[in-house]
Amino acid sequence: MRFFTPGWHQNLSEVSDPVAVAYANYVREFWPLLPDAARLLVEFSLHDGIVTKVALKGDRLTLTLFPYDLQDDPYILRLTYEGGGGLQPAYLQLAQFKKGEAQILAHELDQTASGFVHRMLFWTQDFDYQEVEIPFLRLRMELPE
């Protein structure tokens, strides 16, 4: 994680969050280059979300999440990452999170030399932080019925 680190989470204030402001300013720098679905994802809260399914097929990783948001009705979110190469490490990390064994605390998008990366900070049932990085060139976001 570049912005929403374990240290950020441990020192999070309910009053203001200068890290969130810094992240929003940073994302603006490469906003025009982001795929449309990635722009939408920036606006989504994945906080307390759990991984319900993960699949890797060739150069495509599909992640199904159940974000938990008290403000909205429950929903399922399916993210399909393509073209980033090096998806195997992310797949192996995510596959170990059986339903409910880890919750997303925060997520961020970043630009890399070869595309983009979606980073997520998880809190595991072992009371430990884990970071997952998913590289991608293309991203599809679905809200299945």
N, C-alpha and C. Protein backbone atom coordinates (compact mmCIF):
# COMPACT_ATOMS: atom_id res chain seq x y z
N MET A 1 0.85 -1.18 0.00
CA MET A 1 0.00 0.00 0.00
C MET A 1 0.89 1.23 0.00
N ARG A 2 0.46 2.21 -0.76
CA ARG A 2 1.22 3.45 -0.84
C ARG A 2 0.64 4.51 0.08
N PHE A 3 -0.67 4.56 0.20
CA PHE A 3 -1.33 5.57 1.02
C PHE A 3 -2.00 4.96 2.25
N PHE A 4 -2.86 3.97 2.02
CA PHE A 4 -3.67 3.41 3.10
C PHE A 4 -2.96 2.22 3.73
N THR A 5 -1.91 2.52 4.47
CA THR A 5 -1.03 1.52 5.07
C THR A 5 -1.58 1.05 6.41
N PRO A 6 -1.01 -0.02 6.97
CA PRO A 6 -1.40 -0.41 8.33
C PRO A 6 -1.21 0.74 9.34
N GLY A 7 -0.14 1.51 9.20
CA GLY A 7 0.08 2.65 10.10
C GLY A 7 -1.02 3.69 9.97
N TRP A 8 -1.47 3.94 8.75
CA TRP A 8 -2.61 4.85 8.54
C TRP A 8 -3.84 4.33 9.27
N HIS A 9 -4.09 3.03 9.11
CA HIS A 9 -5.28 2.45 9.72
C HIS A 9 -5.23 2.53 11.25
N GLN A 10 -4.07 2.31 11.82
CA GLN A 10 -3.93 2.34 13.28
C GLN A 10 -4.10 3.74 13.84
N ASN A 11 -3.83 4.76 13.03
CA ASN A 11 -3.91 6.14 13.49
C ASN A 11 -5.06 6.91 12.86
N LEU A 12 -6.02 6.20 12.30
CA LEU A 12 -7.14 6.83 11.61
C LEU A 12 -7.96 7.69 12.56
N SER A 13 -8.26 8.89 12.12
CA SER A 13 -9.05 9.83 12.90
C SER A 13 -10.43 9.95 12.28
N GLU A 14 -11.43 10.04 13.12
CA GLU A 14 -12.80 10.21 12.63
C GLU A 14 -13.04 11.64 12.13
N VAL A 15 -12.21 12.58 12.56
CA VAL A 15 -12.43 13.98 12.25
C VAL A 15 -11.99 14.31 10.83
N SER A 16 -10.75 14.00 10.49
CA SER A 16 -10.27 14.29 9.14
C SER A 16 -9.23 13.26 8.76
N ASP A 17 -9.01 13.13 7.48
CA ASP A 17 -8.05 12.14 7.00
C ASP A 17 -7.19 12.77 5.92
N PRO A 18 -6.04 13.34 6.30
CA PRO A 18 -5.17 13.96 5.30
C PRO A 18 -4.63 12.95 4.28
N VAL A 19 -4.55 11.68 4.65
CA VAL A 19 -4.08 10.65 3.71
C VAL A 19 -5.10 10.50 2.58
N ALA A 20 -6.38 10.50 2.91
CA ALA A 20 -7.42 10.38 1.88
C ALA A 20 -7.37 11.57 0.93
N VAL A 21 -7.11 12.75 1.46
CA VAL A 21 -7.01 13.95 0.62
C VAL A 21 -5.79 13.83 -0.29
N ALA A 22 -4.66 13.40 0.26
CA ALA A 22 -3.44 13.22 -0.53
C ALA A 22 -3.65 12.18 -1.64
N TYR A 23 -4.35 11.09 -1.30
CA TYR A 23 -4.63 10.06 -2.30
C TYR A 23 -5.52 10.61 -3.42
N ALA A 24 -6.56 11.32 -3.06
CA ALA A 24 -7.47 11.89 -4.07
C ALA A 24 -6.70 12.83 -5.00
N ASN A 25 -5.80 13.63 -4.45
CA ASN A 25 -4.99 14.52 -5.29
C ASN A 25 -4.06 13.72 -6.19
N TYR A 26 -3.49 12.66 -5.67
CA TYR A 26 -2.57 11.83 -6.44
C TYR A 26 -3.29 11.15 -7.62
N VAL A 27 -4.46 10.60 -7.37
CA VAL A 27 -5.22 9.90 -8.41
C VAL A 27 -5.57 10.85 -9.55
N ARG A 28 -5.81 12.11 -9.24
CA ARG A 28 -6.13 13.09 -10.28
C ARG A 28 -5.01 13.20 -11.32
N GLU A 29 -3.78 12.91 -10.91
CA GLU A 29 -2.64 13.02 -11.83
C GLU A 29 -2.74 12.04 -13.01
N PHE A 30 -3.31 10.86 -12.78
CA PHE A 30 -3.41 9.87 -13.87
C PHE A 30 -4.86 9.47 -14.17
N TRP A 31 -5.79 10.24 -13.66
CA TRP A 31 -7.22 9.97 -13.85
C TRP A 31 -7.60 9.76 -15.32
N PRO A 32 -7.14 10.61 -16.25
CA PRO A 32 -7.54 10.44 -17.67
C PRO A 32 -7.04 9.12 -18.27
N LEU A 33 -6.01 8.53 -17.70
CA LEU A 33 -5.45 7.29 -18.24
C LEU A 33 -6.15 6.04 -17.71
N LEU A 34 -6.88 6.18 -16.61
CA LEU A 34 -7.54 5.02 -16.00
C LEU A 34 -8.66 4.48 -16.88
N PRO A 35 -8.79 3.15 -16.94
CA PRO A 35 -9.97 2.59 -17.62
C PRO A 35 -11.25 3.06 -16.89
N ASP A 36 -12.35 3.12 -17.62
CA ASP A 36 -13.62 3.61 -17.04
C ASP A 36 -13.99 2.87 -15.76
N ALA A 37 -13.86 1.55 -15.77
CA ALA A 37 -14.23 0.77 -14.59
C ALA A 37 -13.34 1.12 -13.39
N ALA A 38 -12.08 1.42 -13.64
CA ALA A 38 -11.18 1.80 -12.55
C ALA A 38 -11.59 3.14 -11.95
N ARG A 39 -12.07 4.05 -12.80
CA ARG A 39 -12.56 5.34 -12.29
C ARG A 39 -13.77 5.13 -11.37
N LEU A 40 -14.64 4.22 -11.77
CA LEU A 40 -15.79 3.90 -10.91
C LEU A 40 -15.33 3.27 -9.60
N LEU A 41 -14.35 2.39 -9.69
CA LEU A 41 -13.86 1.68 -8.51
C LEU A 41 -13.28 2.64 -7.48
N VAL A 42 -12.66 3.72 -7.93
CA VAL A 42 -12.12 4.71 -7.01
C VAL A 42 -13.21 5.23 -6.09
N GLU A 43 -14.42 5.34 -6.62
CA GLU A 43 -15.54 5.89 -5.85
C GLU A 43 -16.22 4.87 -4.93
N PHE A 44 -15.93 3.59 -5.10
CA PHE A 44 -16.58 2.55 -4.30
C PHE A 44 -15.87 2.35 -2.98
N SER A 45 -16.64 2.18 -1.93
CA SER A 45 -16.08 1.78 -0.64
C SER A 45 -16.10 0.26 -0.59
N LEU A 46 -14.95 -0.34 -0.39
CA LEU A 46 -14.87 -1.79 -0.22
C LEU A 46 -14.68 -2.15 1.25
N HIS A 47 -14.74 -1.15 2.13
CA HIS A 47 -14.48 -1.35 3.55
C HIS A 47 -15.35 -2.46 4.13
N ASP A 48 -14.72 -3.35 4.88
CA ASP A 48 -15.35 -4.52 5.50
C ASP A 48 -15.83 -5.54 4.50
N GLY A 49 -15.46 -5.38 3.22
CA GLY A 49 -15.83 -6.35 2.20
C GLY A 49 -15.08 -7.66 2.41
N ILE A 50 -15.70 -8.73 1.96
CA ILE A 50 -15.06 -10.05 2.04
C ILE A 50 -14.97 -10.66 0.64
N VAL A 51 -13.95 -11.48 0.46
CA VAL A 51 -13.76 -12.20 -0.78
C VAL A 51 -14.67 -13.42 -0.76
N THR A 52 -15.51 -13.57 -1.76
CA THR A 52 -16.37 -14.75 -1.83
C THR A 52 -15.90 -15.75 -2.87
N LYS A 53 -15.14 -15.26 -3.88
CA LYS A 53 -14.66 -16.15 -4.93
C LYS A 53 -13.50 -15.49 -5.64
N VAL A 54 -12.52 -16.30 -6.05
CA VAL A 54 -11.41 -15.80 -6.85
C VAL A 54 -11.06 -16.88 -7.87
N ALA A 55 -10.82 -16.45 -9.11
CA ALA A 55 -10.50 -17.40 -10.19
C ALA A 55 -9.42 -16.79 -11.07
N LEU A 56 -8.51 -17.64 -11.52
CA LEU A 56 -7.45 -17.22 -12.41
C LEU A 56 -7.49 -18.10 -13.64
N LYS A 57 -7.63 -17.46 -14.81
CA LYS A 57 -7.65 -18.19 -16.07
C LYS A 57 -6.78 -17.41 -17.05
N GLY A 58 -5.61 -17.95 -17.34
CA GLY A 58 -4.68 -17.27 -18.24
C GLY A 58 -4.25 -15.95 -17.64
N ASP A 59 -4.43 -14.87 -18.40
CA ASP A 59 -4.05 -13.53 -17.96
C ASP A 59 -5.27 -12.75 -17.46
N ARG A 60 -6.19 -13.47 -16.81
CA ARG A 60 -7.42 -12.86 -16.30
C ARG A 60 -7.69 -13.35 -14.88
N LEU A 61 -7.80 -12.42 -13.95
CA LEU A 61 -8.14 -12.75 -12.57
C LEU A 61 -9.50 -12.15 -12.28
N THR A 62 -10.42 -12.99 -11.80
CA THR A 62 -11.75 -12.53 -11.44
C THR A 62 -11.92 -12.64 -9.94
N LEU A 63 -12.32 -11.55 -9.34
CA LEU A 63 -12.49 -11.45 -7.89
C LEU A 63 -13.93 -11.07 -7.60
N THR A 64 -14.60 -11.89 -6.80
CA THR A 64 -15.97 -11.59 -6.40
C THR A 64 -15.95 -11.19 -4.93
N LEU A 65 -16.52 -10.01 -4.66
CA LEU A 65 -16.51 -9.44 -3.31
C LEU A 65 -17.94 -9.20 -2.82
N PHE A 66 -18.06 -9.22 -1.52
CA PHE A 66 -19.31 -8.82 -0.87
C PHE A 66 -18.96 -7.63 0.02
N PRO A 67 -19.00 -6.40 -0.55
CA PRO A 67 -18.71 -5.22 0.27
C PRO A 67 -19.82 -5.02 1.29
N TYR A 68 -19.44 -4.64 2.47
CA TYR A 68 -20.40 -4.42 3.54
C TYR A 68 -20.48 -2.93 3.80
N ASP A 69 -21.60 -2.36 3.52
CA ASP A 69 -21.78 -0.92 3.69
C ASP A 69 -23.13 -0.69 4.34
N LEU A 70 -23.11 -0.13 5.54
CA LEU A 70 -24.36 0.10 6.27
C LEU A 70 -25.24 1.14 5.58
N GLN A 71 -24.64 1.94 4.70
CA GLN A 71 -25.39 2.99 4.02
C GLN A 71 -26.27 2.44 2.89
N ASP A 72 -25.86 1.33 2.32
CA ASP A 72 -26.52 0.80 1.13
C ASP A 72 -27.02 -0.62 1.37
N ASP A 73 -27.85 -1.08 0.44
CA ASP A 73 -28.27 -2.47 0.48
C ASP A 73 -27.07 -3.34 0.13
N PRO A 74 -27.03 -4.57 0.66
CA PRO A 74 -25.92 -5.46 0.32
C PRO A 74 -25.87 -5.73 -1.19
N TYR A 75 -24.68 -5.91 -1.69
CA TYR A 75 -24.52 -6.19 -3.11
C TYR A 75 -23.27 -7.04 -3.32
N ILE A 76 -23.21 -7.65 -4.49
CA ILE A 76 -22.04 -8.42 -4.89
C ILE A 76 -21.32 -7.60 -5.95
N LEU A 77 -20.00 -7.58 -5.88
CA LEU A 77 -19.19 -6.85 -6.85
C LEU A 77 -18.19 -7.82 -7.46
N ARG A 78 -18.20 -7.89 -8.79
CA ARG A 78 -17.25 -8.76 -9.50
C ARG A 78 -16.28 -7.89 -10.28
N LEU A 79 -14.98 -8.09 -10.01
CA LEU A 79 -13.92 -7.35 -10.68
C LEU A 79 -13.09 -8.32 -11.50
N THR A 80 -12.88 -8.00 -12.76
CA THR A 80 -12.06 -8.84 -13.64
C THR A 80 -10.89 -8.00 -14.12
N TYR A 81 -9.70 -8.44 -13.75
CA TYR A 81 -8.46 -7.76 -14.10
C TYR A 81 -7.81 -8.51 -15.25
N GLU A 82 -7.33 -7.78 -16.26
CA GLU A 82 -6.71 -8.42 -17.43
C GLU A 82 -5.46 -7.66 -17.84
N GLY A 83 -4.53 -8.43 -18.42
CA GLY A 83 -3.39 -7.84 -19.11
C GLY A 83 -2.28 -7.29 -18.25
N GLY A 84 -2.32 -7.52 -16.98
CA GLY A 84 -1.28 -6.94 -16.12
C GLY A 84 -0.08 -7.83 -15.94
N GLY A 85 -0.23 -9.11 -16.29
CA GLY A 85 0.87 -10.05 -16.05
C GLY A 85 1.10 -10.20 -14.56
N GLY A 86 1.72 -11.28 -14.17
CA GLY A 86 2.05 -11.47 -12.76
C GLY A 86 0.85 -11.56 -11.83
N LEU A 87 -0.24 -12.16 -12.29
CA LEU A 87 -1.45 -12.27 -11.47
C LEU A 87 -1.39 -13.43 -10.47
N GLN A 88 -0.50 -14.37 -10.70
CA GLN A 88 -0.42 -15.57 -9.84
C GLN A 88 -0.22 -15.23 -8.35
N PRO A 89 0.72 -14.33 -7.98
CA PRO A 89 0.88 -14.03 -6.54
C PRO A 89 -0.40 -13.47 -5.91
N ALA A 90 -1.10 -12.59 -6.61
CA ALA A 90 -2.35 -12.04 -6.07
C ALA A 90 -3.39 -13.14 -5.93
N TYR A 91 -3.47 -14.01 -6.93
CA TYR A 91 -4.43 -15.11 -6.87
C TYR A 91 -4.17 -15.99 -5.64
N LEU A 92 -2.92 -16.35 -5.42
CA LEU A 92 -2.59 -17.22 -4.29
C LEU A 92 -2.91 -16.55 -2.96
N GLN A 93 -2.66 -15.26 -2.85
CA GLN A 93 -3.00 -14.54 -1.62
C GLN A 93 -4.51 -14.51 -1.40
N LEU A 94 -5.24 -14.14 -2.45
CA LEU A 94 -6.70 -14.01 -2.32
C LEU A 94 -7.38 -15.35 -2.10
N ALA A 95 -6.83 -16.41 -2.70
CA ALA A 95 -7.44 -17.74 -2.57
C ALA A 95 -7.38 -18.24 -1.13
N GLN A 96 -6.45 -17.75 -0.35
CA GLN A 96 -6.37 -18.20 1.05
C GLN A 96 -7.44 -17.56 1.94
N PHE A 97 -8.08 -16.51 1.44
CA PHE A 97 -9.12 -15.84 2.23
C PHE A 97 -10.46 -16.52 1.97
N LYS A 98 -10.74 -17.55 2.71
CA LYS A 98 -12.05 -18.17 2.57
C LYS A 98 -13.09 -17.18 3.06
N LYS A 99 -14.29 -17.38 2.63
CA LYS A 99 -15.37 -16.42 2.94
C LYS A 99 -15.37 -16.03 4.42
N GLY A 100 -15.18 -14.75 4.64
CA GLY A 100 -15.26 -14.22 5.99
C GLY A 100 -13.97 -14.27 6.78
N GLU A 101 -12.90 -14.84 6.24
CA GLU A 101 -11.66 -14.97 7.00
C GLU A 101 -10.79 -13.72 6.93
N ALA A 102 -11.14 -12.78 6.08
CA ALA A 102 -10.40 -11.52 5.98
C ALA A 102 -11.34 -10.45 5.46
N GLN A 103 -11.17 -9.25 5.97
CA GLN A 103 -12.00 -8.13 5.53
C GLN A 103 -11.12 -7.04 4.94
N ILE A 104 -11.64 -6.40 3.92
CA ILE A 104 -10.93 -5.28 3.30
C ILE A 104 -11.06 -4.06 4.20
N LEU A 105 -9.94 -3.44 4.50
CA LEU A 105 -9.95 -2.21 5.28
C LEU A 105 -9.94 -0.99 4.37
N ALA A 106 -9.14 -1.08 3.29
CA ALA A 106 -9.01 0.04 2.37
C ALA A 106 -8.49 -0.48 1.03
N HIS A 107 -8.64 0.32 0.01
CA HIS A 107 -8.08 -0.04 -1.29
C HIS A 107 -7.66 1.23 -2.01
N GLU A 108 -6.73 1.06 -2.95
CA GLU A 108 -6.24 2.20 -3.71
C GLU A 108 -5.80 1.73 -5.09
N LEU A 109 -5.86 2.64 -6.04
CA LEU A 109 -5.38 2.39 -7.39
C LEU A 109 -4.13 3.22 -7.63
N ASP A 110 -3.24 2.68 -8.44
CA ASP A 110 -2.00 3.38 -8.73
C ASP A 110 -1.59 3.10 -10.16
N GLN A 111 -0.79 3.99 -10.70
CA GLN A 111 -0.23 3.80 -12.02
C GLN A 111 1.17 3.21 -11.87
N THR A 112 1.52 2.27 -12.76
CA THR A 112 2.86 1.68 -12.77
C THR A 112 3.48 1.95 -14.14
N ALA A 113 4.73 1.56 -14.30
CA ALA A 113 5.42 1.74 -15.58
C ALA A 113 4.74 0.95 -16.70
N SER A 114 4.09 -0.17 -16.32
CA SER A 114 3.49 -1.04 -17.34
C SER A 114 1.96 -1.07 -17.31
N GLY A 115 1.33 -0.21 -16.54
CA GLY A 115 -0.13 -0.21 -16.48
C GLY A 115 -0.62 0.37 -15.17
N PHE A 116 -1.42 -0.45 -14.46
CA PHE A 116 -2.02 -0.01 -13.21
C PHE A 116 -1.94 -1.13 -12.19
N VAL A 117 -2.22 -0.78 -10.94
CA VAL A 117 -2.27 -1.78 -9.88
C VAL A 117 -3.40 -1.40 -8.92
N HIS A 118 -4.14 -2.42 -8.49
CA HIS A 118 -5.18 -2.25 -7.48
C HIS A 118 -4.64 -2.88 -6.20
N ARG A 119 -4.47 -2.07 -5.17
CA ARG A 119 -3.95 -2.56 -3.89
C ARG A 119 -5.09 -2.59 -2.88
N MET A 120 -5.09 -3.65 -2.07
CA MET A 120 -6.08 -3.78 -1.01
C MET A 120 -5.38 -4.14 0.29
N LEU A 121 -5.83 -3.52 1.37
CA LEU A 121 -5.34 -3.81 2.70
C LEU A 121 -6.41 -4.64 3.42
N PHE A 122 -6.03 -5.83 3.84
CA PHE A 122 -6.94 -6.75 4.52
C PHE A 122 -6.59 -6.86 6.00
N TRP A 123 -7.60 -7.15 6.81
CA TRP A 123 -7.44 -7.51 8.21
C TRP A 123 -7.90 -8.97 8.31
N THR A 124 -7.01 -9.85 8.73
CA THR A 124 -7.31 -11.28 8.72
C THR A 124 -7.86 -11.75 10.06
N GLN A 125 -8.39 -12.95 10.06
CA GLN A 125 -8.92 -13.53 11.30
C GLN A 125 -7.80 -13.80 12.30
N ASP A 126 -6.55 -13.79 11.84
CA ASP A 126 -5.40 -13.96 12.73
C ASP A 126 -4.96 -12.62 13.31
N PHE A 127 -5.78 -11.59 13.15
CA PHE A 127 -5.50 -10.25 13.65
C PHE A 127 -4.19 -9.71 13.09
N ASP A 128 -4.09 -9.77 11.78
CA ASP A 128 -2.89 -9.35 11.08
C ASP A 128 -3.29 -8.61 9.81
N TYR A 129 -2.45 -7.68 9.39
CA TYR A 129 -2.67 -6.98 8.13
C TYR A 129 -2.04 -7.78 7.00
N GLN A 130 -2.70 -7.80 5.85
CA GLN A 130 -2.14 -8.36 4.64
C GLN A 130 -2.47 -7.43 3.48
N GLU A 131 -1.47 -7.20 2.65
CA GLU A 131 -1.66 -6.36 1.48
C GLU A 131 -1.64 -7.23 0.23
N VAL A 132 -2.53 -6.92 -0.70
CA VAL A 132 -2.61 -7.63 -1.97
C VAL A 132 -2.50 -6.60 -3.09
N GLU A 133 -1.67 -6.92 -4.09
CA GLU A 133 -1.52 -6.06 -5.26
C GLU A 133 -1.93 -6.82 -6.50
N ILE A 134 -2.84 -6.24 -7.28
CA ILE A 134 -3.30 -6.87 -8.52
C ILE A 134 -2.95 -5.95 -9.69
N PRO A 135 -1.97 -6.36 -10.51
CA PRO A 135 -1.61 -5.55 -11.68
C PRO A 135 -2.65 -5.73 -12.79
N PHE A 136 -2.88 -4.69 -13.58
CA PHE A 136 -3.84 -4.81 -14.69
C PHE A 136 -3.61 -3.73 -15.73
N LEU A 137 -4.09 -4.02 -16.94
CA LEU A 137 -4.18 -3.03 -18.01
C LEU A 137 -5.65 -2.69 -18.26
N ARG A 138 -6.49 -3.73 -18.17
CA ARG A 138 -7.93 -3.57 -18.37
C ARG A 138 -8.67 -4.08 -17.12
N LEU A 139 -9.77 -3.44 -16.81
CA LEU A 139 -10.56 -3.81 -15.64
C LEU A 139 -12.04 -3.77 -16.02
N ARG A 140 -12.74 -4.80 -15.64
CA ARG A 140 -14.21 -4.84 -15.82
C ARG A 140 -14.83 -4.95 -14.43
N MET A 141 -15.87 -4.17 -14.21
CA MET A 141 -16.57 -4.16 -12.92
C MET A 141 -18.04 -4.48 -13.18
N GLU A 142 -18.55 -5.48 -12.47
CA GLU A 142 -19.96 -5.88 -12.65
C GLU A 142 -20.65 -5.95 -11.30
N LEU A 143 -21.90 -5.60 -11.29
CA LEU A 143 -22.77 -5.78 -10.14
C LEU A 143 -23.82 -6.82 -10.53
N PRO A 144 -23.46 -8.13 -10.42
CA PRO A 144 -24.38 -9.16 -10.88
C PRO A 144 -25.68 -9.16 -10.06
N GLU A 145 -26.73 -9.55 -10.71
CA GLU A 145 -28.05 -9.62 -10.05
C GLU A 145 -28.08 -10.78 -9.08
